[in-house]
Structures are given as structure tokens and as C-alpha cells.
Amino acid sequence: MRLLVIEDNRDLVSNLFGYFEARGHTLDAAPDGATGLHLAVTQQYDALILDWMLPRLDGPSVLKALREHRPDLPVIMLTARDDLPDKIAGFRAGADDYLTKPFALQELEVRLDALILRASGRGHRKVLEIQDLRLDLSTLEATRAGKPLHLYPACRKLLEILMRASPATVTRERLEQALWGDHPPDGDMLRSHIYELRRSVDGPFETKLIHTLPRVGYRLAALAAGTVADD
């Protein structure tokens, strides 16, 4: 996903770039509200991360102006204000979600994923398709190039998550949480499931779709620059 960060705290911006770029996402940043509003209106982004207190134009003012041009752009506000009236003011200004500082980067990532899925409508799709790979969510049938793929339930769940997120990288933590909640089994069971999934999805085909971002996670895409195949 492509994100715009409007935030004047350089340390926070650096942390956001380090975290999200390592997961295959693209980010732009603006240090003040006026610059950020210009970028948000003139460029294409999947979501906006917006600070409340900003020079030149504060967060709520950015939102009110933005909604006249980009009513559907998902926006999550970051602020140290955690009082209910402040939250209500943020939502009334046009925010889709609200996260108080300090916050966990992983929580921000999950919230952004949910906002983008809702905005794109992919959260309600009945069939997921990436190139010649197809997953019917109604029948749970997976095919590639028209050939049925025989998947264990855990592999099918992983496939759905990767296809929904494509072409972005999904972290190991998110995949383990989806399969086992807060109690993953001992050993690297995720790696074993990915191996089985890759054998079914990629094994017989020349074009490989499942790629590994070392020490981070996995992505499903036709082309994944900078990624390597799993061992």
C-alpha cells in the first residue's frame, strides 16, 4: 500500500518509514498540514496517517478541506489527546479511525489494513484473483490456470490472507495470529504451512507467486522485487 504521513515529529516519521517500508509499503511524508493537504489532494494514496497538532494547518482543518476533494480516502488520526470530546471532534472532522500516542506500530498496521479493505470493497469479495490464481470464498475452491489446488484448511486460510493483502507483505506475526491466536505451537509451524502452500500454488508453475521477505513475512504477487524464495 502507498501511505501519506502528515506528521511533524521526525523521530516518529522515521519509525513509521522503517516499519512500513520493511514490509514492502511505499510512504511519503509532509511536515505540516498545508503541504500534506496538497499531497493528499494531488497524489494517489491508499490511506493517510494524520497528526492532530501540526504547523500551518492542524489535523482537523486538513481533514475538513480534504473531504471536499477525497471523501473516500481512509484517514487515521494520531494524537496524544485521549479525551472523549477530542475523539468526537476528530471523527466529526472526517477521520475514519483514531489512535492515541504512544501506540504500537503493529496495531497501526492492522487498523490501516482494515480501513483499506473496507474502502476498496475487497473485504466483501466472493472471489479473489491474482493473475491465474483464483480462490472462491463461497465454495472454498482454489484453482490455478484452471487446475484445482488441494489445500489443507490452514493453507487455505493463509492463501486467503495473502491474496487479500496482495501485493503487500504480511508479517509472520499476523499470519501466526490468524492461525493460532495468542498461542502459536512450538517450532516453526508457519514455515511448514507456507512450504505446503507454496508446493501447491507454485510447484507445477513457472511463474512463482509466493515470496519471502526475510525476517519479516510473506507476500503473494506476480513480481516481488527484492524478495527471495523460501528454503
Protein backbone atom coordinates (compact mmCIF):
# COMPACT_ATOMS: atom_id res chain seq x y z
CA MET A 1 0.00 0.00 0.00
CA ARG A 2 1.01 3.62 -0.54
CA LEU A 3 0.70 5.80 2.56
CA LEU A 4 0.95 9.52 3.23
CA VAL A 5 2.20 10.53 6.67
CA ILE A 6 1.43 14.10 7.78
CA GLU A 7 3.44 14.43 10.98
CA ASP A 8 5.98 16.98 12.27
CA ASN A 9 7.72 14.62 14.73
CA ARG A 10 10.79 13.48 12.78
CA ASP A 11 11.53 10.55 15.09
CA LEU A 12 8.01 9.19 14.69
CA VAL A 13 8.14 9.64 10.92
CA SER A 14 11.46 7.78 10.83
CA ASN A 15 9.96 4.90 12.84
CA LEU A 16 6.94 4.72 10.56
CA PHE A 17 9.09 4.64 7.43
CA GLY A 18 11.38 1.98 8.88
CA TYR A 19 8.50 -0.26 9.91
CA PHE A 20 6.27 0.01 6.83
CA GLU A 21 8.98 0.10 4.16
CA ALA A 22 10.44 -3.10 5.60
CA ARG A 23 7.04 -4.67 4.88
CA GLY A 24 7.02 -3.62 1.25
CA HIS A 25 4.93 -0.45 1.51
CA THR A 26 5.62 2.98 -0.02
CA LEU A 27 5.44 6.15 2.06
CA ASP A 28 5.54 9.91 1.52
CA ALA A 29 5.75 12.41 4.35
CA ALA A 30 4.78 16.03 4.94
CA PRO A 31 5.97 18.04 7.98
CA ASP A 32 2.98 20.42 8.09
CA GLY A 33 -0.70 20.42 7.35
CA ALA A 34 -0.66 22.66 4.28
CA THR A 35 1.97 20.58 2.48
CA GLY A 36 0.22 17.37 3.49
CA LEU A 37 -3.14 18.58 2.20
CA HIS A 38 -1.60 19.46 -1.16
CA LEU A 39 -0.06 15.98 -1.48
CA ALA A 40 -3.26 14.23 -0.38
CA VAL A 41 -5.30 16.08 -3.00
CA THR A 42 -2.86 15.86 -5.91
CA GLN A 43 -1.38 12.36 -5.40
CA GLN A 44 -2.91 8.90 -5.10
CA TYR A 45 -2.65 7.15 -1.73
CA ASP A 46 -4.29 4.11 -0.18
CA ALA A 47 -4.50 5.75 3.25
CA LEU A 48 -3.47 8.82 5.23
CA ILE A 49 -1.81 8.89 8.67
CA LEU A 50 -2.57 12.32 10.11
CA ASP A 51 -1.28 14.04 13.25
CA TRP A 52 -3.64 16.33 15.16
CA MET A 53 -1.21 19.12 16.14
CA LEU A 54 0.58 20.39 13.03
CA PRO A 55 2.18 23.66 11.92
CA ARG A 56 0.43 25.85 9.31
CA LEU A 57 -2.77 23.76 9.35
CA ASP A 58 -3.88 21.41 12.12
CA GLY A 59 -5.20 17.88 11.58
CA PRO A 60 -8.94 18.59 11.83
CA SER A 61 -8.59 21.50 9.39
CA VAL A 62 -6.70 19.26 6.96
CA LEU A 63 -9.49 16.70 7.21
CA LYS A 64 -12.30 19.17 6.59
CA ALA A 65 -10.59 20.50 3.48
CA LEU A 66 -9.57 17.04 2.29
CA ARG A 67 -13.10 15.64 2.45
CA GLU A 68 -14.22 18.14 -0.18
CA HIS A 69 -11.82 16.53 -2.68
CA ARG A 70 -11.16 12.99 -1.42
CA PRO A 71 -14.21 11.83 0.56
CA ASP A 72 -13.25 8.14 0.30
CA LEU A 73 -9.56 8.30 1.30
CA PRO A 74 -9.10 6.31 4.55
CA VAL A 75 -7.66 8.52 7.31
CA ILE A 76 -6.41 7.53 10.73
CA MET A 77 -5.58 10.30 13.20
CA LEU A 78 -2.65 10.15 15.60
CA THR A 79 -2.81 12.30 18.71
CA ALA A 80 -1.94 12.49 22.38
CA ARG A 81 -5.49 13.74 23.05
CA ASP A 82 -7.45 10.86 24.51
CA ASP A 83 -10.49 12.68 25.94
CA LEU A 84 -13.86 11.71 24.50
CA PRO A 85 -14.68 15.24 23.22
CA ASP A 86 -11.42 15.28 21.26
CA LYS A 87 -12.16 11.88 19.73
CA ILE A 88 -15.64 13.02 18.76
CA ALA A 89 -14.18 16.16 17.18
CA GLY A 90 -11.75 14.05 15.15
CA PHE A 91 -14.48 11.77 13.83
CA ARG A 92 -16.76 14.70 13.04
CA ALA A 93 -13.95 16.32 11.09
CA GLY A 94 -13.85 13.22 8.88
CA ALA A 95 -11.44 10.72 10.47
CA ASP A 96 -12.13 7.03 9.88
CA ASP A 97 -10.13 5.87 12.90
CA TYR A 98 -8.31 7.36 15.86
CA LEU A 99 -5.13 6.17 17.61
CA THR A 100 -3.68 7.82 20.70
CA LYS A 101 0.05 8.21 21.29
CA PRO A 102 2.04 6.25 22.25
CA PHE A 103 0.87 3.35 20.11
CA ALA A 104 2.17 0.04 18.77
CA LEU A 105 3.19 0.10 15.11
CA GLN A 106 1.65 -3.32 14.61
CA GLU A 107 -1.72 -2.02 15.82
CA LEU A 108 -1.48 0.88 13.40
CA GLU A 109 -0.74 -1.56 10.58
CA VAL A 110 -3.74 -3.73 11.40
CA ARG A 111 -6.05 -0.71 11.61
CA LEU A 112 -4.81 0.58 8.25
CA ASP A 113 -5.34 -2.83 6.65
CA ALA A 114 -8.94 -2.87 7.88
CA LEU A 115 -9.64 0.67 6.66
CA ILE A 116 -8.18 -0.01 3.21
CA LEU A 117 -10.10 -3.26 2.83
CA ARG A 118 -13.36 -1.53 3.68
CA ALA A 119 -12.63 1.37 1.35
CA SER A 120 -11.78 -0.88 -1.58
CA GLY A 121 -14.65 -3.28 -1.01
CA ARG A 122 -12.27 -6.24 -1.06
CA GLY A 123 -13.46 -7.27 2.37
CA HIS A 124 -16.76 -8.36 0.76
CA ARG A 125 -15.45 -10.03 -2.36
CA LYS A 126 -16.64 -13.56 -3.04
CA VAL A 127 -13.78 -14.45 -5.38
CA LEU A 128 -10.14 -13.46 -5.02
CA GLU A 129 -7.98 -13.47 -8.15
CA ILE A 130 -4.27 -12.81 -8.63
CA GLN A 131 -3.17 -13.50 -12.21
CA ASP A 132 -4.22 -17.12 -12.90
CA LEU A 133 -4.73 -17.94 -9.20
CA ARG A 134 -8.34 -17.97 -8.04
CA LEU A 135 -9.95 -18.56 -4.63
CA ASP A 136 -13.73 -18.80 -4.39
CA LEU A 137 -14.69 -17.77 -0.86
CA SER A 138 -18.18 -19.25 -1.21
CA THR A 139 -17.10 -22.78 -2.15
CA LEU A 140 -13.53 -22.59 -0.73
CA GLU A 141 -12.25 -23.93 -4.06
CA ALA A 142 -8.81 -22.79 -5.18
CA THR A 143 -7.54 -23.11 -8.74
CA ARG A 144 -4.53 -22.00 -10.73
CA ALA A 145 -4.67 -21.87 -14.51
CA GLY A 146 -7.98 -23.69 -14.16
CA LYS A 147 -6.44 -26.62 -12.28
CA PRO A 148 -7.81 -27.44 -8.79
CA LEU A 149 -5.46 -26.93 -5.86
CA HIS A 150 -5.81 -29.35 -2.96
CA LEU A 151 -5.17 -27.36 0.21
CA TYR A 152 -5.34 -28.17 3.91
CA PRO A 153 -7.57 -25.76 5.87
CA ALA A 154 -4.58 -23.92 7.38
CA CYS A 155 -3.03 -23.45 3.94
CA ARG A 156 -6.33 -22.22 2.52
CA LYS A 157 -6.56 -19.66 5.33
CA LEU A 158 -3.03 -18.46 4.64
CA LEU A 159 -3.81 -18.22 0.93
CA GLU A 160 -6.86 -16.07 1.59
CA ILE A 161 -4.89 -13.68 3.83
CA LEU A 162 -2.06 -13.35 1.33
CA MET A 163 -4.42 -12.81 -1.60
CA ARG A 164 -6.44 -10.16 0.24
CA ALA A 165 -3.25 -8.27 1.12
CA SER A 166 -1.56 -8.68 -2.29
CA PRO A 167 0.83 -7.23 -3.30
CA ALA A 168 1.74 -6.07 0.21
CA THR A 169 3.78 -8.19 2.60
CA VAL A 170 2.01 -9.89 5.51
CA THR A 171 4.10 -10.26 8.64
CA ARG A 172 4.79 -13.60 10.27
CA GLU A 173 3.10 -12.34 13.43
CA ARG A 174 -0.15 -11.58 11.61
CA LEU A 175 -0.20 -14.98 9.93
CA GLU A 176 0.51 -16.81 13.19
CA GLN A 177 -2.20 -14.78 14.93
CA ALA A 178 -4.70 -15.73 12.22
CA LEU A 179 -3.95 -19.44 12.56
CA TRP A 180 -3.37 -19.88 16.28
CA GLY A 181 -4.35 -16.69 18.08
CA ASP A 182 -2.09 -15.82 21.00
CA HIS A 183 -0.83 -19.40 21.43
CA PRO A 184 1.26 -20.46 18.41
CA PRO A 185 2.67 -24.01 18.59
CA ASP A 186 6.30 -24.73 19.37
CA GLY A 187 8.65 -24.87 16.41
CA ASP A 188 8.25 -23.06 13.10
CA MET A 189 4.90 -24.49 12.06
CA LEU A 190 4.18 -21.42 9.97
CA ARG A 191 7.18 -22.16 7.77
CA SER A 192 5.91 -25.72 7.28
CA HIS A 193 2.47 -24.49 6.23
CA ILE A 194 3.99 -21.94 3.85
CA TYR A 195 6.11 -24.73 2.35
CA GLU A 196 2.98 -26.83 1.72
CA LEU A 197 1.12 -23.84 0.31
CA ARG A 198 3.99 -22.94 -1.99
CA ARG A 199 4.24 -26.53 -3.20
CA SER A 200 0.58 -26.47 -4.24
CA VAL A 201 0.38 -22.93 -5.61
CA ASP A 202 3.82 -22.56 -7.21
CA GLY A 203 5.28 -26.05 -7.57
CA PRO A 204 3.95 -27.03 -11.02
CA PHE A 205 4.11 -23.50 -12.48
CA GLU A 206 6.91 -21.45 -13.98
CA THR A 207 5.75 -18.12 -12.53
CA LYS A 208 6.13 -18.09 -8.75
CA LEU A 209 3.59 -16.09 -6.79
CA ILE A 210 4.55 -16.65 -3.14
CA HIS A 211 7.65 -14.77 -1.99
CA THR A 212 9.51 -14.38 1.28
CA LEU A 213 10.75 -11.16 2.81
CA PRO A 214 13.45 -12.49 5.17
CA ARG A 215 12.77 -11.99 8.89
CA VAL A 216 9.56 -10.10 8.08
CA GLY A 217 6.90 -12.21 6.36
CA TYR A 218 5.44 -13.26 3.03
CA ARG A 219 3.72 -11.73 0.04
CA LEU A 220 1.74 -13.08 -2.88
CA ALA A 221 2.41 -11.24 -6.12
CA ALA A 222 3.41 -11.92 -9.71
CA LEU A 223 6.52 -9.81 -9.31
CA ALA A 224 8.10 -9.15 -5.93
CA ALA A 225 11.29 -7.13 -6.27
CA GLY A 226 13.80 -7.72 -3.55
CA THR A 227 12.25 -10.95 -2.32
CA VAL A 228 13.63 -14.46 -2.30
CA ALA A 229 12.18 -17.92 -2.38
CA ASP A 230 11.81 -19.80 0.89
CA ASP A 231 14.18 -22.66 1.69
